[in-house]
Amino acid sequence: MHPGGYGQQILIVDNDASVRSLLSALLTYEGFNVVQSGNGLDALQELKTQHFDLVISDYHMPGLNGIQLLAICRHVWPETPVVIVSGEDSDWRDRAIREGAHACARKPYERAQLITLVREVVMEKRSARIAPQEVRA
């Protein structure tokens, strides 16, 4: 395990189990504590029962999608940064940032770039200097 995560708690929300597993393994190796959720409704249950330092959510999911989850997080857990990810080429980034996402990343993402993004967001939260930004993958 790499010591970079310092035990920070991250919630990964994606309806694709292989994406969740891969991202979870990567972040766990980097020292983060990771909880996986297969959809937005299950993610809300996780958020109600434990604290997360970061939520990484897919944009498109059945039921409660990433933008809807983001809106609820901004209202109920405003101190928890949310990163929205998607494999689409549409204008989802602009919408996600407008809705309050801390950052966005396009799938597939480069490992080093994603780890850098996660560390920056967690460190900014720790420093209480959260300001919306866009990260191009």
N, C-alpha and C. Protein backbone atom coordinates (compact mmCIF):
# COMPACT_ATOMS: atom_id res chain seq x y z
N MET A 1 0.83 -1.19 0.00
CA MET A 1 0.00 0.00 0.00
C MET A 1 0.87 1.24 0.00
N HIS A 2 0.53 2.18 -0.81
CA HIS A 2 1.21 3.47 -0.90
C HIS A 2 0.64 4.38 0.19
N PRO A 3 1.46 5.15 0.88
CA PRO A 3 0.96 5.95 2.00
C PRO A 3 0.22 7.22 1.61
N GLY A 4 0.03 7.49 0.34
CA GLY A 4 -0.53 8.76 -0.11
C GLY A 4 -1.94 9.06 0.32
N GLY A 5 -2.78 8.06 0.58
CA GLY A 5 -4.18 8.30 0.89
C GLY A 5 -4.45 8.66 2.33
N TYR A 6 -3.54 8.34 3.22
CA TYR A 6 -3.67 8.69 4.63
C TYR A 6 -5.00 8.26 5.23
N GLY A 7 -5.60 7.18 4.72
CA GLY A 7 -6.83 6.66 5.29
C GLY A 7 -8.08 7.46 4.99
N GLN A 8 -8.03 8.38 4.06
CA GLN A 8 -9.21 9.16 3.71
C GLN A 8 -10.28 8.24 3.12
N GLN A 9 -11.54 8.53 3.41
CA GLN A 9 -12.66 7.70 3.01
C GLN A 9 -13.26 8.22 1.69
N ILE A 10 -13.33 7.34 0.68
CA ILE A 10 -13.85 7.71 -0.63
C ILE A 10 -14.99 6.78 -1.01
N LEU A 11 -16.07 7.37 -1.53
CA LEU A 11 -17.21 6.61 -2.03
C LEU A 11 -17.16 6.63 -3.55
N ILE A 12 -17.12 5.45 -4.16
CA ILE A 12 -17.13 5.31 -5.61
C ILE A 12 -18.53 4.86 -6.01
N VAL A 13 -19.16 5.61 -6.93
CA VAL A 13 -20.51 5.30 -7.37
C VAL A 13 -20.50 5.11 -8.88
N ASP A 14 -20.73 3.88 -9.31
CA ASP A 14 -20.76 3.57 -10.75
C ASP A 14 -21.55 2.29 -10.94
N ASN A 15 -22.42 2.28 -11.93
CA ASN A 15 -23.22 1.08 -12.17
C ASN A 15 -22.44 -0.02 -12.88
N ASP A 16 -21.24 0.27 -13.34
CA ASP A 16 -20.37 -0.72 -13.97
C ASP A 16 -19.45 -1.31 -12.91
N ALA A 17 -19.70 -2.57 -12.55
CA ALA A 17 -18.94 -3.23 -11.48
C ALA A 17 -17.46 -3.29 -11.79
N SER A 18 -17.08 -3.48 -13.04
CA SER A 18 -15.65 -3.57 -13.38
C SER A 18 -14.96 -2.23 -13.18
N VAL A 19 -15.64 -1.13 -13.50
CA VAL A 19 -15.07 0.20 -13.28
C VAL A 19 -14.90 0.45 -11.79
N ARG A 20 -15.95 0.10 -11.01
CA ARG A 20 -15.87 0.27 -9.55
C ARG A 20 -14.71 -0.51 -8.97
N SER A 21 -14.58 -1.77 -9.37
CA SER A 21 -13.53 -2.63 -8.82
C SER A 21 -12.14 -2.13 -9.16
N LEU A 22 -11.96 -1.72 -10.40
CA LEU A 22 -10.65 -1.23 -10.83
C LEU A 22 -10.28 0.05 -10.09
N LEU A 23 -11.21 0.98 -10.02
CA LEU A 23 -10.95 2.24 -9.32
C LEU A 23 -10.73 2.00 -7.83
N SER A 24 -11.51 1.11 -7.26
CA SER A 24 -11.35 0.77 -5.84
C SER A 24 -9.98 0.19 -5.56
N ALA A 25 -9.54 -0.74 -6.39
CA ALA A 25 -8.22 -1.34 -6.21
C ALA A 25 -7.12 -0.29 -6.30
N LEU A 26 -7.23 0.59 -7.27
CA LEU A 26 -6.23 1.64 -7.47
C LEU A 26 -6.17 2.56 -6.26
N LEU A 27 -7.32 3.02 -5.79
CA LEU A 27 -7.34 3.95 -4.66
C LEU A 27 -6.96 3.27 -3.34
N THR A 28 -7.34 2.02 -3.18
CA THR A 28 -6.94 1.27 -1.99
C THR A 28 -5.42 1.12 -1.96
N TYR A 29 -4.83 0.80 -3.09
CA TYR A 29 -3.37 0.68 -3.18
C TYR A 29 -2.70 2.00 -2.79
N GLU A 30 -3.34 3.11 -3.13
CA GLU A 30 -2.78 4.43 -2.82
C GLU A 30 -3.03 4.85 -1.37
N GLY A 31 -3.69 3.99 -0.58
CA GLY A 31 -3.87 4.27 0.84
C GLY A 31 -5.21 4.84 1.24
N PHE A 32 -6.16 4.91 0.31
CA PHE A 32 -7.48 5.41 0.63
C PHE A 32 -8.38 4.26 1.10
N ASN A 33 -9.33 4.57 1.97
CA ASN A 33 -10.37 3.62 2.35
C ASN A 33 -11.51 3.83 1.36
N VAL A 34 -11.93 2.77 0.70
CA VAL A 34 -12.90 2.90 -0.39
C VAL A 34 -14.15 2.10 -0.09
N VAL A 35 -15.29 2.71 -0.36
CA VAL A 35 -16.59 2.05 -0.31
C VAL A 35 -17.17 2.15 -1.71
N GLN A 36 -17.74 1.05 -2.19
CA GLN A 36 -18.31 1.03 -3.53
C GLN A 36 -19.83 1.00 -3.47
N SER A 37 -20.43 1.67 -4.43
CA SER A 37 -21.88 1.65 -4.56
C SER A 37 -22.24 1.54 -6.03
N GLY A 38 -23.23 0.70 -6.34
CA GLY A 38 -23.60 0.45 -7.72
C GLY A 38 -24.60 1.41 -8.31
N ASN A 39 -25.17 2.30 -7.49
CA ASN A 39 -26.12 3.27 -8.02
C ASN A 39 -26.29 4.42 -7.03
N GLY A 40 -26.96 5.46 -7.47
CA GLY A 40 -27.12 6.65 -6.65
C GLY A 40 -27.92 6.45 -5.39
N LEU A 41 -28.97 5.62 -5.46
CA LEU A 41 -29.78 5.37 -4.27
C LEU A 41 -29.00 4.64 -3.18
N ASP A 42 -28.23 3.64 -3.58
CA ASP A 42 -27.38 2.95 -2.60
C ASP A 42 -26.31 3.89 -2.04
N ALA A 43 -25.81 4.78 -2.89
CA ALA A 43 -24.81 5.75 -2.44
C ALA A 43 -25.38 6.65 -1.35
N LEU A 44 -26.64 7.07 -1.52
CA LEU A 44 -27.27 7.91 -0.49
C LEU A 44 -27.33 7.19 0.85
N GLN A 45 -27.62 5.89 0.82
CA GLN A 45 -27.65 5.12 2.06
C GLN A 45 -26.26 5.10 2.71
N GLU A 46 -25.22 4.94 1.91
CA GLU A 46 -23.85 4.96 2.44
C GLU A 46 -23.53 6.33 3.04
N LEU A 47 -23.93 7.39 2.35
CA LEU A 47 -23.66 8.74 2.82
C LEU A 47 -24.39 9.04 4.13
N LYS A 48 -25.54 8.44 4.32
CA LYS A 48 -26.31 8.65 5.56
C LYS A 48 -25.68 7.96 6.75
N THR A 49 -24.89 6.90 6.50
CA THR A 49 -24.38 6.10 7.61
C THR A 49 -22.91 6.34 7.94
N GLN A 50 -22.17 6.98 7.04
CA GLN A 50 -20.75 7.22 7.33
C GLN A 50 -20.24 8.47 6.62
N HIS A 51 -19.14 8.98 7.13
CA HIS A 51 -18.52 10.19 6.57
C HIS A 51 -17.62 9.82 5.39
N PHE A 52 -17.65 10.63 4.34
CA PHE A 52 -16.75 10.45 3.21
C PHE A 52 -16.01 11.76 2.96
N ASP A 53 -14.73 11.62 2.63
CA ASP A 53 -13.91 12.77 2.29
C ASP A 53 -14.06 13.16 0.83
N LEU A 54 -14.60 12.24 0.03
CA LEU A 54 -14.78 12.48 -1.41
C LEU A 54 -15.76 11.46 -1.96
N VAL A 55 -16.60 11.92 -2.90
CA VAL A 55 -17.48 11.05 -3.66
C VAL A 55 -17.06 11.15 -5.13
N ILE A 56 -16.82 10.00 -5.74
CA ILE A 56 -16.54 9.94 -7.18
C ILE A 56 -17.72 9.22 -7.81
N SER A 57 -18.46 9.93 -8.66
CA SER A 57 -19.69 9.36 -9.22
C SER A 57 -19.69 9.41 -10.73
N ASP A 58 -20.18 8.33 -11.33
CA ASP A 58 -20.42 8.31 -12.76
C ASP A 58 -21.55 9.29 -13.06
N TYR A 59 -21.54 9.85 -14.25
CA TYR A 59 -22.57 10.80 -14.67
C TYR A 59 -23.87 10.08 -15.00
N HIS A 60 -23.79 9.06 -15.84
CA HIS A 60 -24.99 8.32 -16.27
C HIS A 60 -25.12 7.02 -15.52
N MET A 61 -26.23 6.90 -14.77
CA MET A 61 -26.57 5.67 -14.07
C MET A 61 -28.08 5.56 -14.08
N PRO A 62 -28.60 4.34 -14.07
CA PRO A 62 -30.06 4.20 -13.98
C PRO A 62 -30.55 4.65 -12.61
N GLY A 63 -31.80 5.07 -12.55
CA GLY A 63 -32.36 5.55 -11.29
C GLY A 63 -31.84 6.94 -10.99
N LEU A 64 -31.16 7.09 -9.90
CA LEU A 64 -30.59 8.36 -9.49
C LEU A 64 -29.24 8.53 -10.17
N ASN A 65 -29.15 9.47 -11.12
CA ASN A 65 -27.89 9.63 -11.86
C ASN A 65 -26.90 10.51 -11.09
N GLY A 66 -25.72 10.69 -11.65
CA GLY A 66 -24.66 11.43 -10.97
C GLY A 66 -25.00 12.87 -10.68
N ILE A 67 -25.70 13.54 -11.59
CA ILE A 67 -26.08 14.94 -11.37
C ILE A 67 -27.11 15.05 -10.25
N GLN A 68 -28.05 14.11 -10.21
CA GLN A 68 -29.04 14.12 -9.14
C GLN A 68 -28.38 13.82 -7.79
N LEU A 69 -27.45 12.87 -7.77
CA LEU A 69 -26.70 12.58 -6.55
C LEU A 69 -25.90 13.80 -6.11
N LEU A 70 -25.27 14.46 -7.07
CA LEU A 70 -24.50 15.67 -6.79
C LEU A 70 -25.39 16.73 -6.13
N ALA A 71 -26.58 16.94 -6.67
CA ALA A 71 -27.49 17.96 -6.12
C ALA A 71 -27.84 17.64 -4.67
N ILE A 72 -28.10 16.39 -4.38
CA ILE A 72 -28.44 15.99 -3.01
C ILE A 72 -27.23 16.18 -2.10
N CYS A 73 -26.07 15.77 -2.57
CA CYS A 73 -24.84 15.94 -1.77
C CYS A 73 -24.59 17.41 -1.47
N ARG A 74 -24.75 18.28 -2.45
CA ARG A 74 -24.51 19.71 -2.25
C ARG A 74 -25.46 20.26 -1.17
N HIS A 75 -26.67 19.73 -1.13
CA HIS A 75 -27.67 20.21 -0.17
C HIS A 75 -27.48 19.61 1.23
N VAL A 76 -27.27 18.30 1.30
CA VAL A 76 -27.23 17.61 2.59
C VAL A 76 -25.82 17.53 3.18
N TRP A 77 -24.82 17.31 2.33
CA TRP A 77 -23.43 17.18 2.77
C TRP A 77 -22.55 18.16 1.98
N PRO A 78 -22.76 19.46 2.15
CA PRO A 78 -22.05 20.45 1.33
C PRO A 78 -20.53 20.45 1.50
N GLU A 79 -20.05 19.88 2.61
CA GLU A 79 -18.60 19.84 2.84
C GLU A 79 -17.93 18.68 2.12
N THR A 80 -18.71 17.79 1.52
CA THR A 80 -18.16 16.63 0.83
C THR A 80 -18.00 16.93 -0.65
N PRO A 81 -16.76 16.99 -1.14
CA PRO A 81 -16.56 17.25 -2.58
C PRO A 81 -17.01 16.06 -3.42
N VAL A 82 -17.52 16.38 -4.60
CA VAL A 82 -17.98 15.36 -5.54
C VAL A 82 -17.24 15.57 -6.86
N VAL A 83 -16.68 14.47 -7.36
CA VAL A 83 -16.05 14.45 -8.69
C VAL A 83 -16.96 13.63 -9.58
N ILE A 84 -17.33 14.19 -10.72
CA ILE A 84 -18.18 13.49 -11.69
C ILE A 84 -17.30 12.97 -12.82
N VAL A 85 -17.53 11.70 -13.19
CA VAL A 85 -16.78 11.08 -14.28
C VAL A 85 -17.75 10.58 -15.34
N SER A 86 -17.29 10.57 -16.59
CA SER A 86 -18.13 10.06 -17.68
C SER A 86 -17.25 9.73 -18.87
N GLY A 87 -17.74 8.81 -19.67
CA GLY A 87 -17.07 8.45 -20.90
C GLY A 87 -17.63 9.18 -22.10
N GLU A 88 -18.57 10.06 -21.89
CA GLU A 88 -19.23 10.77 -22.99
C GLU A 88 -18.44 11.99 -23.44
N ASP A 89 -18.76 12.44 -24.63
CA ASP A 89 -18.13 13.64 -25.19
C ASP A 89 -19.05 14.85 -25.15
N SER A 90 -20.22 14.71 -24.56
CA SER A 90 -21.20 15.80 -24.57
C SER A 90 -20.81 16.91 -23.61
N ASP A 91 -21.74 17.80 -23.35
CA ASP A 91 -21.50 18.95 -22.48
C ASP A 91 -21.72 18.64 -20.99
N TRP A 92 -21.56 17.40 -20.61
CA TRP A 92 -21.78 16.98 -19.22
C TRP A 92 -20.86 17.71 -18.24
N ARG A 93 -19.63 18.03 -18.67
CA ARG A 93 -18.69 18.72 -17.75
C ARG A 93 -19.23 20.07 -17.32
N ASP A 94 -19.71 20.84 -18.30
CA ASP A 94 -20.24 22.17 -17.97
C ASP A 94 -21.41 22.06 -17.00
N ARG A 95 -22.29 21.12 -17.26
CA ARG A 95 -23.44 20.94 -16.37
C ARG A 95 -23.00 20.51 -14.98
N ALA A 96 -22.07 19.58 -14.90
CA ALA A 96 -21.60 19.10 -13.60
C ALA A 96 -20.97 20.23 -12.78
N ILE A 97 -20.15 21.05 -13.40
CA ILE A 97 -19.51 22.17 -12.71
C ILE A 97 -20.57 23.19 -12.28
N ARG A 98 -21.52 23.49 -13.18
CA ARG A 98 -22.62 24.42 -12.83
C ARG A 98 -23.41 23.92 -11.63
N GLU A 99 -23.59 22.62 -11.55
CA GLU A 99 -24.38 22.02 -10.47
C GLU A 99 -23.59 21.87 -9.17
N GLY A 100 -22.29 22.16 -9.20
CA GLY A 100 -21.51 22.15 -7.97
C GLY A 100 -20.46 21.06 -7.84
N ALA A 101 -20.18 20.34 -8.93
CA ALA A 101 -19.10 19.34 -8.86
C ALA A 101 -17.78 20.04 -8.59
N HIS A 102 -16.98 19.41 -7.78
CA HIS A 102 -15.66 19.98 -7.48
C HIS A 102 -14.74 19.86 -8.69
N ALA A 103 -14.86 18.75 -9.40
CA ALA A 103 -14.04 18.51 -10.58
C ALA A 103 -14.72 17.47 -11.45
N CYS A 104 -14.22 17.31 -12.65
CA CYS A 104 -14.73 16.31 -13.59
C CYS A 104 -13.55 15.57 -14.21
N ALA A 105 -13.79 14.32 -14.58
CA ALA A 105 -12.76 13.54 -15.27
C ALA A 105 -13.46 12.69 -16.33
N ARG A 106 -12.81 12.55 -17.46
CA ARG A 106 -13.36 11.77 -18.55
C ARG A 106 -12.77 10.37 -18.53
N LYS A 107 -13.66 9.36 -18.66
CA LYS A 107 -13.21 7.98 -18.76
C LYS A 107 -12.85 7.68 -20.20
N PRO A 108 -11.88 6.86 -20.47
CA PRO A 108 -10.98 6.25 -19.48
C PRO A 108 -9.95 7.27 -19.01
N TYR A 109 -9.60 7.21 -17.74
CA TYR A 109 -8.65 8.16 -17.20
C TYR A 109 -7.30 7.50 -17.00
N GLU A 110 -6.29 8.31 -17.08
CA GLU A 110 -4.93 7.84 -16.81
C GLU A 110 -4.79 7.68 -15.31
N ARG A 111 -4.16 6.62 -14.90
CA ARG A 111 -3.99 6.31 -13.47
C ARG A 111 -3.36 7.47 -12.70
N ALA A 112 -2.22 7.96 -13.17
CA ALA A 112 -1.50 9.02 -12.46
C ALA A 112 -2.33 10.29 -12.38
N GLN A 113 -3.03 10.61 -13.45
CA GLN A 113 -3.84 11.82 -13.45
C GLN A 113 -4.99 11.72 -12.46
N LEU A 114 -5.62 10.57 -12.40
CA LEU A 114 -6.73 10.38 -11.47
C LEU A 114 -6.26 10.43 -10.02
N ILE A 115 -5.14 9.79 -9.74
CA ILE A 115 -4.59 9.81 -8.37
C ILE A 115 -4.25 11.25 -7.98
N THR A 116 -3.66 11.99 -8.89
CA THR A 116 -3.33 13.39 -8.62
C THR A 116 -4.59 14.19 -8.32
N LEU A 117 -5.62 13.99 -9.12
CA LEU A 117 -6.89 14.69 -8.91
C LEU A 117 -7.46 14.36 -7.54
N VAL A 118 -7.52 13.08 -7.19
CA VAL A 118 -8.08 12.65 -5.91
C VAL A 118 -7.28 13.26 -4.76
N ARG A 119 -5.98 13.18 -4.82
CA ARG A 119 -5.15 13.76 -3.75
C ARG A 119 -5.38 15.26 -3.61
N GLU A 120 -5.45 15.97 -4.74
CA GLU A 120 -5.67 17.41 -4.69
C GLU A 120 -7.01 17.75 -4.05
N VAL A 121 -8.05 17.04 -4.44
CA VAL A 121 -9.37 17.32 -3.88
C VAL A 121 -9.39 17.03 -2.38
N VAL A 122 -8.84 15.91 -1.98
CA VAL A 122 -8.82 15.55 -0.56
C VAL A 122 -7.99 16.57 0.23
N MET A 123 -6.84 16.97 -0.31
CA MET A 123 -6.00 17.94 0.39
C MET A 123 -6.69 19.31 0.47
N GLU A 124 -7.37 19.71 -0.59
CA GLU A 124 -8.09 20.98 -0.57
C GLU A 124 -9.20 20.94 0.47
N LYS A 125 -9.88 19.81 0.56
CA LYS A 125 -10.94 19.67 1.57
C LYS A 125 -10.33 19.79 2.96
N ARG A 126 -9.21 19.12 3.13
CA ARG A 126 -8.53 19.16 4.42
C ARG A 126 -8.14 20.59 4.77
N SER A 127 -7.78 21.38 3.77
CA SER A 127 -7.38 22.77 3.99
C SER A 127 -8.57 23.72 3.96
N ALA A 128 -9.77 23.18 3.68
CA ALA A 128 -11.00 23.97 3.61
C ALA A 128 -10.92 25.08 2.58
N ARG A 129 -10.28 24.78 1.44
CA ARG A 129 -10.19 25.75 0.36
C ARG A 129 -10.86 25.21 -0.90
N ILE A 130 -12.03 24.65 -0.77
CA ILE A 130 -12.70 24.03 -1.91
C ILE A 130 -13.25 25.12 -2.84
N ALA A 131 -12.84 25.02 -4.10
CA ALA A 131 -13.34 25.92 -5.14
C ALA A 131 -13.55 25.08 -6.39
N PRO A 132 -14.71 25.18 -7.06
CA PRO A 132 -14.96 24.36 -8.24
C PRO A 132 -13.87 24.54 -9.31
N GLN A 133 -13.56 23.45 -9.98
CA GLN A 133 -12.56 23.47 -11.03
C GLN A 133 -12.89 22.36 -12.03
N GLU A 134 -12.29 22.46 -13.20
CA GLU A 134 -12.47 21.40 -14.19
C GLU A 134 -11.11 20.79 -14.48
N VAL A 135 -11.08 19.48 -14.52
CA VAL A 135 -9.86 18.76 -14.87
C VAL A 135 -10.14 18.01 -16.15
N ARG A 136 -9.37 18.25 -17.15
CA ARG A 136 -9.57 17.55 -18.42
C ARG A 136 -8.72 16.31 -18.44
N ALA A 137 -9.38 15.19 -18.67
CA ALA A 137 -8.66 13.92 -18.72
C ALA A 137 -8.16 13.63 -20.10
